[in-house]
N, C-alpha and C. Protein backbone atom coordinates (compact mmCIF):
# COMPACT_ATOMS: atom_id res chain seq x y z
N UNK A 1 7.54 7.33 11.04
CA UNK A 1 7.67 6.93 9.65
C UNK A 1 6.61 7.61 8.80
N UNK A 2 7.02 8.17 7.70
CA UNK A 2 6.12 8.76 6.73
C UNK A 2 6.10 7.90 5.48
N UNK A 3 4.93 7.78 4.86
CA UNK A 3 4.84 7.04 3.60
C UNK A 3 4.75 8.03 2.44
N UNK A 4 5.58 7.78 1.46
CA UNK A 4 5.60 8.57 0.23
C UNK A 4 5.09 7.71 -0.93
N UNK A 5 4.24 8.29 -1.75
CA UNK A 5 3.82 7.66 -3.00
C UNK A 5 4.25 8.59 -4.13
N UNK A 6 5.05 8.06 -5.05
CA UNK A 6 5.69 8.90 -6.06
C UNK A 6 5.28 8.47 -7.47
N UNK A 7 4.82 9.42 -8.26
CA UNK A 7 4.32 9.16 -9.61
C UNK A 7 5.25 9.83 -10.61
N UNK A 8 5.77 9.08 -11.59
CA UNK A 8 6.72 9.65 -12.55
C UNK A 8 6.02 10.41 -13.68
N UNK A 9 6.85 11.03 -14.52
CA UNK A 9 6.34 11.75 -15.67
C UNK A 9 6.15 10.86 -16.88
N UNK A 10 5.78 11.48 -17.99
CA UNK A 10 5.49 10.74 -19.22
C UNK A 10 6.68 9.89 -19.64
N UNK A 11 6.35 8.69 -20.10
CA UNK A 11 7.31 7.73 -20.67
C UNK A 11 8.18 7.03 -19.62
N UNK A 12 8.05 7.39 -18.36
CA UNK A 12 8.90 6.83 -17.31
C UNK A 12 8.09 6.00 -16.32
N UNK A 13 8.78 5.08 -15.66
CA UNK A 13 8.17 4.24 -14.64
C UNK A 13 8.70 4.58 -13.27
N UNK A 14 8.26 3.82 -12.28
CA UNK A 14 8.68 4.07 -10.91
C UNK A 14 10.18 4.00 -10.72
N UNK A 15 10.87 3.28 -11.59
CA UNK A 15 12.33 3.17 -11.52
C UNK A 15 13.01 4.53 -11.61
N UNK A 16 12.35 5.53 -12.21
CA UNK A 16 12.98 6.86 -12.32
C UNK A 16 13.30 7.42 -10.94
N UNK A 17 12.51 7.04 -9.95
CA UNK A 17 12.69 7.56 -8.60
C UNK A 17 13.68 6.74 -7.76
N UNK A 18 14.37 5.79 -8.32
CA UNK A 18 15.21 4.89 -7.52
C UNK A 18 16.14 5.62 -6.54
N UNK A 19 16.86 6.68 -6.95
CA UNK A 19 17.72 7.34 -5.96
C UNK A 19 16.93 7.96 -4.81
N UNK A 20 15.71 8.38 -5.09
CA UNK A 20 14.88 9.02 -4.06
C UNK A 20 14.29 7.97 -3.12
N UNK A 21 13.74 6.90 -3.69
CA UNK A 21 13.16 5.87 -2.82
C UNK A 21 14.23 5.23 -1.94
N UNK A 22 15.42 5.04 -2.49
CA UNK A 22 16.52 4.50 -1.69
C UNK A 22 16.84 5.43 -0.52
N UNK A 23 16.92 6.71 -0.77
CA UNK A 23 17.23 7.67 0.28
C UNK A 23 16.12 7.78 1.32
N UNK A 24 14.88 7.75 0.88
CA UNK A 24 13.76 7.83 1.82
C UNK A 24 13.73 6.61 2.74
N UNK A 25 13.98 5.44 2.17
CA UNK A 25 13.97 4.22 2.98
C UNK A 25 15.13 4.19 3.96
N UNK A 26 16.29 4.65 3.54
CA UNK A 26 17.43 4.72 4.45
C UNK A 26 17.14 5.64 5.62
N UNK A 27 16.31 6.65 5.39
CA UNK A 27 15.94 7.58 6.46
C UNK A 27 14.81 7.04 7.33
N UNK A 28 14.35 5.84 7.04
CA UNK A 28 13.35 5.20 7.89
C UNK A 28 11.91 5.36 7.44
N UNK A 29 11.72 5.82 6.22
CA UNK A 29 10.37 6.04 5.70
C UNK A 29 9.99 4.95 4.70
N UNK A 30 8.71 4.90 4.37
CA UNK A 30 8.22 3.98 3.35
C UNK A 30 8.03 4.76 2.05
N UNK A 31 8.37 4.13 0.93
CA UNK A 31 8.28 4.82 -0.36
C UNK A 31 7.79 3.86 -1.42
N UNK A 32 6.70 4.24 -2.08
CA UNK A 32 6.14 3.46 -3.19
C UNK A 32 6.24 4.30 -4.45
N UNK A 33 7.07 3.87 -5.39
CA UNK A 33 7.18 4.55 -6.68
C UNK A 33 6.34 3.78 -7.69
N UNK A 34 5.40 4.47 -8.32
CA UNK A 34 4.37 3.83 -9.13
C UNK A 34 4.82 3.73 -10.59
N UNK A 35 4.61 2.56 -11.19
CA UNK A 35 4.76 2.42 -12.63
C UNK A 35 3.36 2.29 -13.21
N UNK A 36 2.94 3.29 -13.94
CA UNK A 36 1.58 3.33 -14.48
C UNK A 36 1.43 2.41 -15.68
N UNK A 37 0.21 2.09 -16.03
CA UNK A 37 -0.07 1.16 -17.14
C UNK A 37 0.63 1.60 -18.41
N UNK A 38 1.31 0.64 -19.03
CA UNK A 38 1.97 0.86 -20.30
C UNK A 38 3.40 1.33 -20.18
N UNK A 39 3.90 1.54 -18.96
CA UNK A 39 5.21 2.16 -18.79
C UNK A 39 6.23 1.27 -18.09
N UNK A 40 5.90 0.01 -17.94
CA UNK A 40 6.85 -0.96 -17.40
C UNK A 40 7.74 -1.44 -18.54
N UNK A 41 9.06 -1.27 -18.45
CA UNK A 41 9.93 -1.67 -19.56
C UNK A 41 9.80 -3.14 -19.95
N UNK A 42 9.40 -3.99 -19.01
CA UNK A 42 9.25 -5.41 -19.31
C UNK A 42 7.79 -5.83 -19.38
N UNK A 43 6.88 -4.87 -19.32
CA UNK A 43 5.45 -5.19 -19.31
C UNK A 43 4.78 -4.88 -20.63
N UNK A 44 3.50 -5.12 -20.71
CA UNK A 44 2.77 -4.90 -21.96
C UNK A 44 2.49 -3.42 -22.20
N UNK A 45 2.30 -3.07 -23.44
CA UNK A 45 1.83 -1.73 -23.77
C UNK A 45 0.38 -1.58 -23.33
N UNK A 46 -0.05 -0.34 -23.18
CA UNK A 46 -1.45 -0.10 -22.78
C UNK A 46 -1.97 1.06 -23.62
N UNK A 47 -2.14 0.82 -24.92
CA UNK A 47 -2.50 1.93 -25.81
C UNK A 47 -3.85 2.57 -25.50
N UNK A 48 -4.73 1.85 -24.81
CA UNK A 48 -6.05 2.41 -24.50
C UNK A 48 -6.08 3.11 -23.15
N UNK A 49 -4.96 3.11 -22.43
CA UNK A 49 -4.94 3.79 -21.12
C UNK A 49 -5.12 5.29 -21.32
N UNK A 50 -5.89 5.89 -20.41
CA UNK A 50 -6.06 7.34 -20.45
C UNK A 50 -5.75 7.91 -19.06
N UNK A 51 -6.04 9.18 -18.87
CA UNK A 51 -5.74 9.81 -17.58
C UNK A 51 -6.54 9.16 -16.46
N UNK A 52 -7.79 8.82 -16.71
CA UNK A 52 -8.59 8.14 -15.69
C UNK A 52 -7.96 6.82 -15.28
N UNK A 53 -7.43 6.08 -16.25
CA UNK A 53 -6.76 4.81 -15.94
C UNK A 53 -5.66 5.02 -14.92
N UNK A 54 -4.82 6.00 -15.17
CA UNK A 54 -3.67 6.24 -14.29
C UNK A 54 -4.10 6.81 -12.95
N UNK A 55 -5.10 7.67 -12.94
CA UNK A 55 -5.61 8.20 -11.67
C UNK A 55 -6.17 7.06 -10.82
N UNK A 56 -6.91 6.16 -11.43
CA UNK A 56 -7.49 5.04 -10.69
C UNK A 56 -6.42 4.15 -10.10
N UNK A 57 -5.32 3.97 -10.83
CA UNK A 57 -4.22 3.13 -10.31
C UNK A 57 -3.61 3.75 -9.05
N UNK A 58 -3.42 5.05 -9.06
CA UNK A 58 -2.86 5.71 -7.87
C UNK A 58 -3.89 5.76 -6.75
N UNK A 59 -5.13 6.01 -7.08
CA UNK A 59 -6.18 6.00 -6.06
C UNK A 59 -6.25 4.65 -5.36
N UNK A 60 -6.10 3.58 -6.12
CA UNK A 60 -6.13 2.23 -5.53
C UNK A 60 -5.00 2.03 -4.54
N UNK A 61 -3.83 2.58 -4.85
CA UNK A 61 -2.70 2.48 -3.92
C UNK A 61 -2.98 3.29 -2.66
N UNK A 62 -3.49 4.50 -2.80
CA UNK A 62 -3.80 5.31 -1.62
C UNK A 62 -4.80 4.61 -0.71
N UNK A 63 -5.76 3.93 -1.31
CA UNK A 63 -6.82 3.28 -0.54
C UNK A 63 -6.31 2.12 0.30
N UNK A 64 -5.12 1.59 -0.02
CA UNK A 64 -4.58 0.46 0.73
C UNK A 64 -3.86 0.89 2.00
N UNK A 65 -3.61 2.19 2.17
CA UNK A 65 -2.83 2.66 3.31
C UNK A 65 -3.75 3.29 4.35
N UNK A 66 -3.52 2.94 5.60
CA UNK A 66 -4.31 3.52 6.67
C UNK A 66 -3.90 4.96 6.93
N UNK A 67 -2.62 5.26 6.75
CA UNK A 67 -2.13 6.60 7.04
C UNK A 67 -2.16 7.48 5.80
N UNK A 68 -2.28 8.79 6.02
CA UNK A 68 -2.19 9.74 4.93
C UNK A 68 -0.74 9.82 4.46
N UNK A 69 -0.55 10.10 3.18
CA UNK A 69 0.77 10.00 2.56
C UNK A 69 1.22 11.36 2.03
N UNK A 70 2.51 11.43 1.72
CA UNK A 70 3.05 12.50 0.89
C UNK A 70 2.95 12.01 -0.55
N UNK A 71 2.17 12.69 -1.35
CA UNK A 71 1.92 12.28 -2.73
C UNK A 71 2.70 13.19 -3.66
N UNK A 72 3.57 12.58 -4.46
CA UNK A 72 4.54 13.32 -5.27
C UNK A 72 4.30 13.00 -6.74
N UNK A 73 4.34 14.02 -7.60
CA UNK A 73 4.19 13.80 -9.03
C UNK A 73 5.16 14.64 -9.82
N UNK A 74 5.82 14.02 -10.79
CA UNK A 74 6.75 14.73 -11.68
C UNK A 74 6.09 14.93 -13.03
N UNK A 75 6.13 16.16 -13.55
CA UNK A 75 5.72 16.46 -14.92
C UNK A 75 4.27 16.02 -15.17
N UNK A 76 4.05 15.08 -16.10
CA UNK A 76 2.70 14.53 -16.32
C UNK A 76 2.10 14.02 -15.02
N UNK A 77 2.92 13.49 -14.13
CA UNK A 77 2.43 12.94 -12.87
C UNK A 77 1.67 13.94 -12.02
N UNK A 78 1.86 15.25 -12.28
CA UNK A 78 1.09 16.25 -11.54
C UNK A 78 -0.40 16.15 -11.82
N UNK A 79 -0.76 15.84 -13.07
CA UNK A 79 -2.18 15.67 -13.40
C UNK A 79 -2.74 14.44 -12.70
N UNK A 80 -1.93 13.39 -12.60
CA UNK A 80 -2.37 12.15 -11.98
C UNK A 80 -2.57 12.33 -10.48
N UNK A 81 -1.61 12.95 -9.80
CA UNK A 81 -1.76 13.09 -8.35
C UNK A 81 -2.88 14.05 -7.99
N UNK A 82 -3.14 15.04 -8.84
CA UNK A 82 -4.26 15.94 -8.57
C UNK A 82 -5.58 15.17 -8.62
N UNK A 83 -5.74 14.35 -9.65
CA UNK A 83 -6.96 13.56 -9.76
C UNK A 83 -7.13 12.57 -8.63
N UNK A 84 -6.03 11.92 -8.23
CA UNK A 84 -6.11 10.94 -7.14
C UNK A 84 -6.41 11.63 -5.81
N UNK A 85 -5.76 12.77 -5.56
CA UNK A 85 -6.00 13.49 -4.32
C UNK A 85 -7.41 14.04 -4.25
N UNK A 86 -7.97 14.39 -5.40
CA UNK A 86 -9.34 14.89 -5.43
C UNK A 86 -10.33 13.79 -5.06
N UNK A 87 -10.00 12.56 -5.40
CA UNK A 87 -10.89 11.44 -5.09
C UNK A 87 -10.75 10.97 -3.65
N UNK A 88 -9.54 11.03 -3.11
CA UNK A 88 -9.30 10.55 -1.75
C UNK A 88 -8.48 11.58 -0.96
N UNK A 89 -8.99 12.77 -0.72
CA UNK A 89 -8.19 13.80 -0.06
C UNK A 89 -7.77 13.43 1.36
N UNK A 90 -8.57 12.62 2.05
CA UNK A 90 -8.22 12.26 3.42
C UNK A 90 -7.00 11.35 3.48
N UNK A 91 -6.63 10.76 2.35
CA UNK A 91 -5.47 9.86 2.30
C UNK A 91 -4.17 10.59 1.97
N UNK A 92 -4.24 11.91 1.82
CA UNK A 92 -3.06 12.69 1.42
C UNK A 92 -2.88 13.84 2.40
N UNK A 93 -1.71 13.94 3.03
CA UNK A 93 -1.49 15.09 3.90
C UNK A 93 -0.58 16.13 3.25
N UNK A 94 0.15 15.76 2.18
CA UNK A 94 0.99 16.72 1.47
C UNK A 94 1.01 16.36 -0.01
N UNK A 95 0.89 17.38 -0.85
CA UNK A 95 1.05 17.22 -2.29
C UNK A 95 2.33 17.91 -2.72
N UNK A 96 3.17 17.21 -3.47
CA UNK A 96 4.41 17.78 -3.97
C UNK A 96 4.46 17.63 -5.48
N UNK A 97 4.54 18.74 -6.18
CA UNK A 97 4.59 18.77 -7.64
C UNK A 97 6.01 19.07 -8.08
N UNK A 98 6.62 18.17 -8.83
CA UNK A 98 7.99 18.33 -9.29
C UNK A 98 7.99 18.76 -10.74
N UNK A 99 8.14 20.07 -10.98
CA UNK A 99 8.13 20.60 -12.34
C UNK A 99 6.98 19.95 -13.12
N UNK A 100 5.79 20.15 -12.61
CA UNK A 100 4.64 19.33 -13.01
C UNK A 100 3.42 20.20 -13.34
N UNK A 101 2.48 19.57 -14.02
CA UNK A 101 1.20 20.20 -14.28
C UNK A 101 0.36 20.25 -13.01
N UNK A 102 -0.37 21.35 -12.84
CA UNK A 102 -1.33 21.50 -11.74
C UNK A 102 -2.67 21.86 -12.38
N UNK A 103 -3.48 20.86 -12.73
CA UNK A 103 -4.69 21.15 -13.49
C UNK A 103 -5.84 21.68 -12.64
N UNK A 104 -6.69 22.42 -13.31
CA UNK A 104 -8.01 22.75 -12.80
C UNK A 104 -9.01 21.84 -13.51
N UNK A 105 -10.23 21.81 -13.02
CA UNK A 105 -11.26 20.97 -13.64
C UNK A 105 -11.38 21.28 -15.14
N UNK A 106 -11.33 20.23 -15.94
CA UNK A 106 -11.46 20.38 -17.39
C UNK A 106 -10.16 20.55 -18.14
N UNK A 107 -9.04 20.65 -17.42
CA UNK A 107 -7.74 20.79 -18.09
C UNK A 107 -7.22 19.44 -18.55
N UNK A 108 -6.48 19.45 -19.63
CA UNK A 108 -5.69 18.30 -20.07
C UNK A 108 -4.24 18.74 -20.14
N UNK A 109 -3.31 17.79 -20.18
CA UNK A 109 -1.90 18.15 -20.33
C UNK A 109 -1.68 18.86 -21.66
N UNK A 110 -2.35 18.41 -22.70
CA UNK A 110 -2.21 19.06 -24.01
C UNK A 110 -2.65 20.51 -23.96
N UNK A 111 -3.67 20.78 -23.17
CA UNK A 111 -4.15 22.16 -23.05
C UNK A 111 -3.22 23.01 -22.20
N UNK A 112 -2.63 22.42 -21.17
CA UNK A 112 -1.82 23.18 -20.23
C UNK A 112 -0.40 23.45 -20.72
N UNK A 113 0.10 22.64 -21.63
CA UNK A 113 1.50 22.76 -22.02
C UNK A 113 1.71 23.87 -23.04
N UNK A 114 2.97 24.09 -23.41
CA UNK A 114 3.27 25.13 -24.38
C UNK A 114 3.31 24.56 -25.80
N UNK A 115 3.53 25.42 -26.74
CA UNK A 115 3.47 24.99 -28.15
C UNK A 115 4.54 23.95 -28.47
N UNK A 116 5.73 24.14 -27.95
CA UNK A 116 6.81 23.20 -28.26
C UNK A 116 6.47 21.79 -27.76
N UNK A 117 5.99 21.70 -26.52
CA UNK A 117 5.63 20.40 -25.98
C UNK A 117 4.42 19.81 -26.71
N UNK A 118 3.49 20.66 -27.09
CA UNK A 118 2.31 20.18 -27.82
C UNK A 118 2.73 19.61 -29.18
N UNK A 119 3.70 20.24 -29.81
CA UNK A 119 4.23 19.71 -31.08
C UNK A 119 4.84 18.33 -30.88
N UNK A 120 5.49 18.14 -29.73
CA UNK A 120 6.04 16.81 -29.43
C UNK A 120 4.91 15.79 -29.28
N UNK A 121 3.84 16.17 -28.59
CA UNK A 121 2.71 15.26 -28.46
C UNK A 121 2.22 14.80 -29.83
N UNK A 122 2.11 15.75 -30.75
CA UNK A 122 1.56 15.43 -32.07
C UNK A 122 2.54 14.62 -32.91
N UNK A 123 3.77 15.10 -33.01
CA UNK A 123 4.74 14.40 -33.85
C UNK A 123 5.19 13.10 -33.22
N UNK A 124 5.25 13.07 -31.89
CA UNK A 124 5.73 11.88 -31.19
C UNK A 124 4.75 10.73 -31.20
N UNK A 125 3.48 11.02 -31.46
CA UNK A 125 2.47 9.96 -31.50
C UNK A 125 1.98 9.70 -32.92
N UNK A 126 2.57 10.38 -33.89
CA UNK A 126 2.06 10.30 -35.26
C UNK A 126 2.23 8.91 -35.87
N UNK A 127 3.28 8.19 -35.49
CA UNK A 127 3.56 6.91 -36.13
C UNK A 127 2.46 5.89 -35.88
N UNK A 128 1.94 5.85 -34.66
CA UNK A 128 0.93 4.85 -34.31
C UNK A 128 -0.41 5.47 -33.91
N UNK A 129 -0.39 6.72 -33.48
CA UNK A 129 -1.61 7.34 -32.95
C UNK A 129 -1.97 6.83 -31.57
N UNK A 130 -1.10 6.02 -30.97
CA UNK A 130 -1.42 5.37 -29.70
C UNK A 130 -0.48 5.78 -28.58
N UNK A 131 0.81 5.88 -28.89
CA UNK A 131 1.80 6.16 -27.85
C UNK A 131 2.72 7.29 -28.24
N UNK A 132 3.05 8.11 -27.26
CA UNK A 132 3.98 9.22 -27.46
C UNK A 132 5.40 8.70 -27.36
N UNK A 133 6.20 8.85 -28.41
CA UNK A 133 7.56 8.32 -28.42
C UNK A 133 8.44 9.07 -27.42
N UNK A 134 9.28 8.35 -26.65
CA UNK A 134 10.22 9.03 -25.75
C UNK A 134 11.16 9.93 -26.53
N UNK A 135 11.58 11.01 -25.91
CA UNK A 135 12.56 11.89 -26.52
C UNK A 135 13.94 11.24 -26.47
N UNK A 136 14.85 11.62 -27.37
CA UNK A 136 16.14 10.94 -27.47
C UNK A 136 16.97 10.97 -26.20
N UNK A 137 16.83 12.01 -25.38
CA UNK A 137 17.66 12.12 -24.17
C UNK A 137 17.03 11.45 -22.96
N UNK A 138 15.86 10.81 -23.12
CA UNK A 138 15.24 10.11 -22.01
C UNK A 138 16.05 8.87 -21.64
N UNK A 139 15.79 8.37 -20.45
CA UNK A 139 16.40 7.12 -19.99
C UNK A 139 16.13 5.99 -20.98
N UNK A 140 17.08 5.07 -21.10
CA UNK A 140 16.93 3.95 -22.04
C UNK A 140 15.72 3.08 -21.74
N UNK A 141 15.23 3.13 -20.50
CA UNK A 141 14.06 2.31 -20.13
C UNK A 141 12.74 2.97 -20.47
N UNK A 142 12.77 4.21 -20.95
CA UNK A 142 11.54 4.95 -21.23
C UNK A 142 10.71 4.23 -22.28
N UNK A 143 9.39 4.30 -22.11
CA UNK A 143 8.45 3.62 -22.98
C UNK A 143 7.53 4.63 -23.67
N UNK A 144 6.95 4.25 -24.82
CA UNK A 144 5.92 5.12 -25.42
C UNK A 144 4.79 5.36 -24.41
N UNK A 145 4.37 6.59 -24.31
CA UNK A 145 3.37 6.97 -23.31
C UNK A 145 1.99 7.00 -23.96
N UNK A 146 0.98 6.36 -23.36
CA UNK A 146 -0.37 6.35 -23.94
C UNK A 146 -0.86 7.77 -24.21
N UNK A 147 -1.11 8.09 -25.46
CA UNK A 147 -1.42 9.47 -25.82
C UNK A 147 -2.75 9.94 -25.24
N UNK A 148 -3.68 9.00 -25.01
CA UNK A 148 -4.97 9.39 -24.45
C UNK A 148 -4.85 10.03 -23.08
N UNK A 149 -3.82 9.66 -22.32
CA UNK A 149 -3.66 10.22 -20.97
C UNK A 149 -3.27 11.69 -21.02
N UNK A 150 -2.68 12.13 -22.14
CA UNK A 150 -2.27 13.51 -22.29
C UNK A 150 -3.37 14.37 -22.91
N UNK A 151 -4.32 13.73 -23.56
CA UNK A 151 -5.39 14.44 -24.24
C UNK A 151 -6.67 14.53 -23.40
N UNK A 152 -6.87 13.57 -22.50
CA UNK A 152 -8.11 13.54 -21.73
C UNK A 152 -8.14 14.66 -20.68
N UNK A 153 -9.27 15.32 -20.57
CA UNK A 153 -9.47 16.36 -19.55
C UNK A 153 -9.73 15.72 -18.20
N UNK A 154 -9.14 16.28 -17.15
CA UNK A 154 -9.35 15.78 -15.81
C UNK A 154 -10.66 16.35 -15.25
N UNK A 155 -11.36 15.55 -14.48
CA UNK A 155 -12.59 16.00 -13.82
C UNK A 155 -12.34 16.08 -12.32
N UNK A 156 -12.48 17.28 -11.77
CA UNK A 156 -12.15 17.53 -10.37
C UNK A 156 -13.33 18.17 -9.65
N UNK A 157 -13.54 17.75 -8.40
CA UNK A 157 -14.59 18.35 -7.58
C UNK A 157 -14.07 19.55 -6.79
N UNK A 158 -12.74 19.64 -6.66
CA UNK A 158 -12.13 20.66 -5.81
C UNK A 158 -11.74 20.13 -4.44
N UNK A 159 -12.04 18.85 -4.17
CA UNK A 159 -11.73 18.29 -2.85
C UNK A 159 -10.23 18.28 -2.57
N UNK A 160 -9.41 18.19 -3.61
CA UNK A 160 -7.96 18.17 -3.41
C UNK A 160 -7.45 19.48 -2.81
N UNK A 161 -8.22 20.56 -2.96
CA UNK A 161 -7.78 21.85 -2.44
C UNK A 161 -7.95 21.96 -0.93
N UNK A 162 -8.56 20.95 -0.31
CA UNK A 162 -8.64 20.93 1.15
C UNK A 162 -7.35 20.41 1.77
N UNK A 163 -6.44 19.89 0.97
CA UNK A 163 -5.15 19.40 1.47
C UNK A 163 -4.30 20.63 1.78
N UNK A 164 -3.93 20.79 3.03
CA UNK A 164 -3.32 22.05 3.48
C UNK A 164 -1.90 22.25 2.97
N UNK A 165 -1.15 21.17 2.82
CA UNK A 165 0.27 21.29 2.47
C UNK A 165 0.45 20.99 0.98
N UNK A 166 0.77 22.04 0.21
CA UNK A 166 0.98 21.90 -1.23
C UNK A 166 2.28 22.60 -1.60
N UNK A 167 3.17 21.85 -2.24
CA UNK A 167 4.52 22.36 -2.51
C UNK A 167 4.81 22.18 -3.99
N UNK A 168 5.29 23.25 -4.63
CA UNK A 168 5.68 23.18 -6.04
C UNK A 168 7.19 23.36 -6.14
N UNK A 169 7.84 22.45 -6.88
CA UNK A 169 9.29 22.51 -7.11
C UNK A 169 9.51 22.80 -8.59
N UNK A 170 10.06 23.97 -8.88
CA UNK A 170 10.30 24.38 -10.25
C UNK A 170 11.73 24.09 -10.66
N UNK A 171 11.89 23.36 -11.76
CA UNK A 171 13.22 23.17 -12.35
C UNK A 171 13.62 24.46 -13.04
N UNK A 172 14.60 25.17 -12.48
CA UNK A 172 14.90 26.53 -12.92
C UNK A 172 16.28 26.67 -13.54
N UNK A 173 16.86 25.58 -14.04
CA UNK A 173 18.14 25.68 -14.72
C UNK A 173 18.02 26.61 -15.91
N UNK A 174 18.98 27.52 -16.10
CA UNK A 174 18.90 28.47 -17.22
C UNK A 174 18.77 27.81 -18.59
N UNK A 175 19.28 26.61 -18.73
CA UNK A 175 19.17 25.91 -20.02
C UNK A 175 17.77 25.37 -20.28
N UNK A 176 16.98 25.19 -19.22
CA UNK A 176 15.65 24.58 -19.35
C UNK A 176 14.53 25.58 -19.23
N UNK A 177 14.64 26.54 -18.33
CA UNK A 177 13.50 27.38 -17.98
C UNK A 177 12.91 28.14 -19.18
N UNK A 178 13.73 28.65 -20.12
CA UNK A 178 13.11 29.35 -21.27
C UNK A 178 12.26 28.44 -22.15
N UNK A 179 12.50 27.13 -22.09
CA UNK A 179 11.75 26.17 -22.90
C UNK A 179 10.58 25.56 -22.13
N UNK A 180 10.58 25.74 -20.84
CA UNK A 180 9.68 24.99 -19.95
C UNK A 180 8.25 25.52 -19.99
N UNK A 181 7.27 24.61 -20.00
CA UNK A 181 5.88 25.04 -19.82
C UNK A 181 5.53 25.26 -18.35
N UNK A 182 6.47 24.95 -17.43
CA UNK A 182 6.13 24.92 -16.02
C UNK A 182 6.44 26.22 -15.27
N UNK A 183 7.23 27.11 -15.88
CA UNK A 183 7.42 28.41 -15.26
C UNK A 183 6.10 29.15 -15.12
N UNK A 184 5.27 29.03 -16.15
CA UNK A 184 3.95 29.68 -16.13
C UNK A 184 3.02 29.03 -15.11
N UNK A 185 3.26 27.75 -14.79
CA UNK A 185 2.47 27.07 -13.77
C UNK A 185 2.86 27.59 -12.38
N UNK A 186 4.17 27.74 -12.17
CA UNK A 186 4.66 28.10 -10.84
C UNK A 186 4.38 29.54 -10.46
N UNK A 187 4.42 30.46 -11.42
CA UNK A 187 4.36 31.88 -11.09
C UNK A 187 3.14 32.28 -10.28
N UNK A 188 1.92 31.93 -10.69
CA UNK A 188 0.76 32.35 -9.87
C UNK A 188 0.72 31.69 -8.50
N UNK A 189 1.38 30.53 -8.36
CA UNK A 189 1.38 29.85 -7.07
C UNK A 189 2.24 30.58 -6.04
N UNK A 190 3.21 31.35 -6.50
CA UNK A 190 4.10 32.07 -5.57
C UNK A 190 3.32 33.06 -4.70
N UNK A 191 2.26 33.59 -5.25
CA UNK A 191 1.46 34.57 -4.51
C UNK A 191 0.31 33.95 -3.74
N UNK A 192 0.18 32.64 -3.82
CA UNK A 192 -0.93 31.93 -3.18
C UNK A 192 -0.47 31.43 -1.81
N UNK A 193 -1.08 31.87 -0.72
CA UNK A 193 -0.62 31.44 0.61
C UNK A 193 -0.80 29.96 0.88
N UNK A 194 -1.56 29.29 0.03
CA UNK A 194 -1.75 27.84 0.21
C UNK A 194 -0.62 27.02 -0.38
N UNK A 195 0.32 27.69 -1.04
CA UNK A 195 1.40 26.99 -1.71
C UNK A 195 2.76 27.46 -1.21
N UNK A 196 3.72 26.52 -1.24
CA UNK A 196 5.14 26.84 -1.11
C UNK A 196 5.78 26.52 -2.45
N UNK A 197 6.59 27.43 -2.98
CA UNK A 197 7.27 27.22 -4.25
C UNK A 197 8.78 27.28 -4.01
N UNK A 198 9.48 26.27 -4.50
CA UNK A 198 10.94 26.21 -4.40
C UNK A 198 11.53 26.09 -5.79
N UNK A 199 12.54 26.89 -6.09
CA UNK A 199 13.26 26.80 -7.35
C UNK A 199 14.52 25.97 -7.14
N UNK A 200 14.74 25.00 -8.00
CA UNK A 200 15.98 24.22 -7.98
C UNK A 200 16.76 24.51 -9.26
N UNK A 201 18.06 24.70 -9.11
CA UNK A 201 18.92 24.90 -10.27
C UNK A 201 19.18 23.54 -10.91
N UNK A 202 18.18 23.07 -11.64
CA UNK A 202 18.22 21.73 -12.23
C UNK A 202 17.38 21.73 -13.50
N UNK A 203 17.67 20.80 -14.42
CA UNK A 203 16.82 20.65 -15.60
C UNK A 203 15.53 19.93 -15.23
N UNK A 204 14.69 19.72 -16.24
CA UNK A 204 13.41 19.05 -15.98
C UNK A 204 13.63 17.68 -15.34
N UNK A 205 14.68 16.97 -15.73
CA UNK A 205 15.07 15.75 -15.04
C UNK A 205 15.75 16.15 -13.74
N UNK A 206 14.97 16.29 -12.70
CA UNK A 206 15.48 16.79 -11.42
C UNK A 206 16.49 15.85 -10.77
N UNK A 207 16.62 14.65 -11.31
CA UNK A 207 17.58 13.68 -10.77
C UNK A 207 18.86 13.63 -11.59
N UNK A 208 19.00 14.54 -12.54
CA UNK A 208 20.16 14.50 -13.44
C UNK A 208 21.48 14.60 -12.69
N UNK A 209 21.47 15.32 -11.57
CA UNK A 209 22.70 15.48 -10.78
C UNK A 209 22.70 14.61 -9.53
N UNK A 210 21.88 13.57 -9.55
CA UNK A 210 21.86 12.63 -8.43
C UNK A 210 20.67 12.77 -7.50
N UNK A 211 20.07 13.96 -7.45
CA UNK A 211 18.83 14.11 -6.69
C UNK A 211 18.99 14.40 -5.21
N UNK A 212 20.22 14.71 -4.74
CA UNK A 212 20.43 14.92 -3.30
C UNK A 212 19.60 16.09 -2.78
N UNK A 213 19.54 17.17 -3.54
CA UNK A 213 18.78 18.34 -3.10
C UNK A 213 17.29 18.04 -3.06
N UNK A 214 16.82 17.28 -4.05
CA UNK A 214 15.41 16.90 -4.07
C UNK A 214 15.08 15.98 -2.91
N UNK A 215 15.95 15.03 -2.62
CA UNK A 215 15.73 14.13 -1.49
C UNK A 215 15.62 14.93 -0.19
N UNK A 216 16.49 15.89 0.01
CA UNK A 216 16.45 16.71 1.22
C UNK A 216 15.13 17.45 1.32
N UNK A 217 14.67 17.97 0.20
CA UNK A 217 13.41 18.68 0.18
C UNK A 217 12.25 17.77 0.56
N UNK A 218 12.24 16.56 0.00
CA UNK A 218 11.15 15.63 0.32
C UNK A 218 11.19 15.17 1.77
N UNK A 219 12.39 14.99 2.31
CA UNK A 219 12.51 14.59 3.72
C UNK A 219 11.98 15.66 4.64
N UNK A 220 12.00 16.90 4.20
CA UNK A 220 11.46 17.99 5.03
C UNK A 220 9.96 17.87 5.22
N UNK A 221 9.30 17.06 4.39
CA UNK A 221 7.86 16.87 4.50
C UNK A 221 7.49 15.64 5.34
N UNK A 222 8.47 14.97 5.89
CA UNK A 222 8.19 13.77 6.68
C UNK A 222 7.45 14.13 7.97
């Protein structure tokens, strides 16, 4: 049995991974999909949450498990899993980034993204200055995302780079890739022997077509 800990992207909760967690459990594995502060559709807002808040929440989950896990992050979740893995590298045997940010020390999501996404950060949080409004095509359960988590720079020691298995999954659908900030993230990793990069013919919502290909990929890391 392998344990998976899965972190969603901005505005989404652990429910986004439902097709994946169901498939992992049917295959005999354990799967914890995390809903970070402020992103529970029935829970309270968390306007003061920042990137450290979310990293600490995932770190706390890792600390409860005796075995090392497969740690998965989608989009914004890439910044979170990097920070958590840097704090507890012995608790992670594989890192999987799903069309996600891969920060270096001092990076923020706002710094790493492209101009179009940065404009969304600014315009989407303008009404309150506290939460980034979900985009119209997001799931109905999506919540405003604490803007501080996208602006705060991550602090890394480099310990996460001792994790030998690192996999990047690029959403490479022709309709998405020209708009994506993540093509530029994936390209240098292709030449890095410490990384495996896989292209999926899917939009940024890698579960839009049901997620069967993504589930197969994750099961390969069991």
